Amino acid sequence: MRIASLSLFTLLLVSSLVPGGHTIAQEEPKLTGIKACNQALKLLDEGKANEALEVMLGAKGTLDAEDEWLWWGNTGHCYRDLRQDDKALEHYEKAVQLQPDCWFRFSYCMLLHEFGRWDEALTELEKTIDPDYRAGAAPLKQVILGPFRERWPLTWTKLEYTSKKGNYHVVSDVGTTVKEMDKLEAEAGALDLENKIDRSRLEKMCKPNDDIVSLANLCELARDQYIRFTGVSSRDLPKGKVSKVFFMMNEQDFHNFAADCGGGGSTENVLGFYSPRLKYLQLYSQPGAETRVCGLARDTIDTFFHEGWHQFFDTLTEQTPIWLDEGLAEFLGHAEVKDKGAKIELGLLIRTRGETYTRYERIKETIKAGAHIPFTDFFKYSSRDWHGGDVNIHYAQAWSIAYFGLKGNDAAFKKDFARLFAALLKGKPANEVVDEIFGDEKLKKYEESWLKYWRNI
């Protein structure tokens, strides 16, 4: 919970008359103490994390000793929103040391979870948490524990695997039946786990199967493709973060786990989703699918490529404008998978796909009807704008802009599209970035170029 504002600080340019009729602009005083915290939180709400951090750093050492935890925690919020998560974690840890029952504990636990430090997060979640955040503790615990640990307390590790590069932790019952797991659990129950030899036997029994290992490798391949298309450099990538992904074989288990994790919306007719609140990705595989990859239905794998982009983008930046986020997710949401998942190619142009109405068909129809949204509006769309109109057109247009920006024939737009993404990773507010890089006149010019491209392709 963010602290209530004790006072609104209004920026004034203070001038004083001096001999000779000249005026001298006096420097604005730095905000200190609680006022600095309030101003920083206001700036964070406006998406201005860089400015908020500047305010907090300028106020270091100005709070009374009993309030110092506020400086550490709110500075942690600034670093978190800038995705400087190692520094955020350090500041949250100091805040909870100074004030054990403070509301920053939940933020601390969330980052421990994102870093894959799940045992530490569970320990911290058992401690006193501010009432306004207590409701979130149970869903976070469920995400950390997963859907299988309670039923198979000795052998659940067979259903989990961290990729060799360490960027993904996959939880899945693919390739294993309930009957097989029950039998394995019974065998494990007969072991003496105080005995070193029996512990070694249990470890071998719980070795994940090839499908889970292949899924983890597939996640890493997708991540490599996300990096390639967006031009992210190594210095922009998070250090030590682990993305958690659940692939489930049973639809009812999928719905139950989503509910246990506090899912507020319906998961009916949904193959998967990413939770930005709890930073995890959950999918399920339909039975009877003819085409399978790594043991899962092909549509589930395509859903992963789409939702996996949302997870990756959210890891990189707080600034994820919906038209860009969904456009890139659609662009990356279908792949040619080769060698049983050992190779993939994302960003394909799918003109037709059986009975499914493709984004290509939709955007061609929309442009022909003159029903597209002007770039000067679309590039500044909020979530409310997105959901308040024809969402099918919005998805198609967002996809077509992403495709145009990454594979189109306008070199200037491709360059500015890359600049847009790079600026967002620095934490600048999305609309400010759009104004700085494009501006209305340039957007109108690029819209004409985009229209010409899609009319001819």
Foldseek 3Di string as FASTA:
>chain_A
DQDDDPDDDDDDFDWDADPPRDIDTDDDDQDEEPNLLVVLVVCVVVLNLVVNLVSLVVHPPRYPLLCNLSSLQSNLVSCVQLLVNVSSLVSLVVSCVSPVAEQSLVVNLLSCVQLVVLVVSVVSLVGHYPPVCVVQSQLLNCLSCDLPCVVQVLQQLLQWDAAPVRAEIEGECFPHDPVRSVVLSVVLVPFDCVDPVSVVVSVVSSHHDPLRRLVNLLLVQLVVVLCVQLVDDPVLARPSGYAYEYEYADPVSQQVSCVSSPNPDDCPPPQWAADLVNLYIYGYADPPAPDDASRGHQLSVLVCSLRVLVSRLSSQHPADAPLQSLQVSLQFSHWDAPPSSNHIDTRDDDCDDPPDCHLLNLQLVCLVVVNADQQVDLQPDHPCNCVVDDVSNSSSVSNLLSSCLRPNDDPLSVVLVSVLSVVRSSSDHNVVSCCVSANDVNSNVVVVVSSVRSNVD
